[in-house]
Amino acid sequence: MKSVKISLNSIDKVKAFVNDVTKFDTDFDLVSGRYVIDAKSIMGIFSLDLSKVIDLNIHGDDNIDEILETLKPYIVE
């Protein structure tokens, strides 16, 4: 499992993010405080506080480099 911090601070970013993660056959979880949401669920994402940085857990290491490259626009250092 790999964890990165991401920012989804606009509706357009959320839509693009969901489109990007659904391309992969891997499971993704968004963790904000005590809430854990399936990152492929657009309704779940909108239930989070999107003004804050969110932890993204990527389960599976098969194509992690390709995933990180695709998600680069959302990752915050």
Protein backbone atom coordinates (compact mmCIF):
# COMPACT_ATOMS: atom_id res chain seq x y z
CA MET A 1 0.00 0.00 0.00
CA LYS A 2 1.16 3.51 -0.82
CA SER A 3 -0.16 6.73 0.73
CA VAL A 4 -0.02 10.22 -0.75
CA LYS A 5 -1.62 13.53 0.17
CA ILE A 6 -3.94 15.06 -2.41
CA SER A 7 -5.99 18.21 -2.83
CA LEU A 8 -9.42 18.18 -4.48
CA ASN A 9 -10.47 21.79 -3.95
CA SER A 10 -12.87 22.22 -6.89
CA ILE A 11 -15.77 20.35 -8.46
CA ASP A 12 -13.87 19.99 -11.75
CA LYS A 13 -10.88 18.51 -9.92
CA VAL A 14 -13.10 15.94 -8.19
CA LYS A 15 -14.70 14.89 -11.50
CA ALA A 16 -11.32 14.57 -13.21
CA PHE A 17 -9.87 12.66 -10.22
CA VAL A 18 -12.71 10.11 -10.21
CA ASN A 19 -12.33 9.64 -13.97
CA ASP A 20 -8.58 9.05 -13.50
CA VAL A 21 -8.82 6.54 -10.64
CA THR A 22 -11.61 4.52 -12.28
CA LYS A 23 -9.20 3.72 -15.14
CA PHE A 24 -7.24 1.50 -12.75
CA ASP A 25 -8.24 -1.91 -11.40
CA THR A 26 -6.73 -1.02 -8.01
CA ASP A 27 -8.61 -0.04 -4.83
CA PHE A 28 -8.24 3.54 -3.63
CA ASP A 29 -9.35 4.94 -0.25
CA LEU A 30 -9.59 8.59 0.74
CA VAL A 31 -8.99 9.20 4.45
CA SER A 32 -10.07 12.45 6.08
CA GLY A 33 -10.05 12.40 9.87
CA ARG A 34 -12.00 9.32 10.90
CA TYR A 35 -13.79 8.96 7.55
CA VAL A 36 -12.64 6.44 4.93
CA ILE A 37 -14.28 6.79 1.51
CA ASP A 38 -13.92 4.77 -1.70
CA ALA A 39 -12.04 7.17 -4.00
CA LYS A 40 -14.08 5.95 -6.98
CA SER A 41 -17.30 7.24 -5.38
CA ILE A 42 -17.97 10.81 -6.45
CA MET A 43 -20.82 11.13 -3.92
CA GLY A 44 -18.54 9.87 -1.14
CA ILE A 45 -15.85 12.41 -2.04
CA PHE A 46 -18.36 15.28 -1.86
CA SER A 47 -19.21 14.21 1.71
CA LEU A 48 -15.65 15.09 2.78
CA ASP A 49 -14.25 18.50 3.73
CA LEU A 50 -12.54 19.31 0.43
CA SER A 51 -10.93 22.49 1.74
CA LYS A 52 -8.36 20.30 3.54
CA VAL A 53 -5.63 18.01 2.22
CA ILE A 54 -6.84 14.39 2.05
CA ASP A 55 -4.83 11.18 2.39
CA LEU A 56 -5.12 8.78 -0.56
CA ASN A 57 -4.30 5.13 0.13
CA ILE A 58 -3.47 3.08 -2.96
CA HIS A 59 -3.90 -0.66 -2.39
CA GLY A 60 -1.74 -2.84 -4.60
CA ASP A 61 1.70 -2.23 -6.02
CA ASP A 62 1.31 -3.58 -9.57
CA ASN A 63 1.39 -0.35 -11.58
CA ILE A 64 2.12 2.18 -8.83
CA ASP A 65 4.40 4.34 -11.02
CA GLU A 66 1.73 4.72 -13.69
CA ILE A 67 -0.88 5.54 -11.04
CA LEU A 68 1.32 8.19 -9.40
CA GLU A 69 2.08 9.74 -12.80
CA THR A 70 -1.65 9.92 -13.61
CA LEU A 71 -2.48 11.43 -10.20
CA LYS A 72 0.38 13.96 -10.24
CA PRO A 73 -1.97 17.01 -10.73
CA TYR A 74 -3.74 16.24 -7.43
CA ILE A 75 -0.75 15.31 -5.25
CA VAL A 76 0.56 17.89 -2.78
CA GLU A 77 4.04 17.66 -1.33
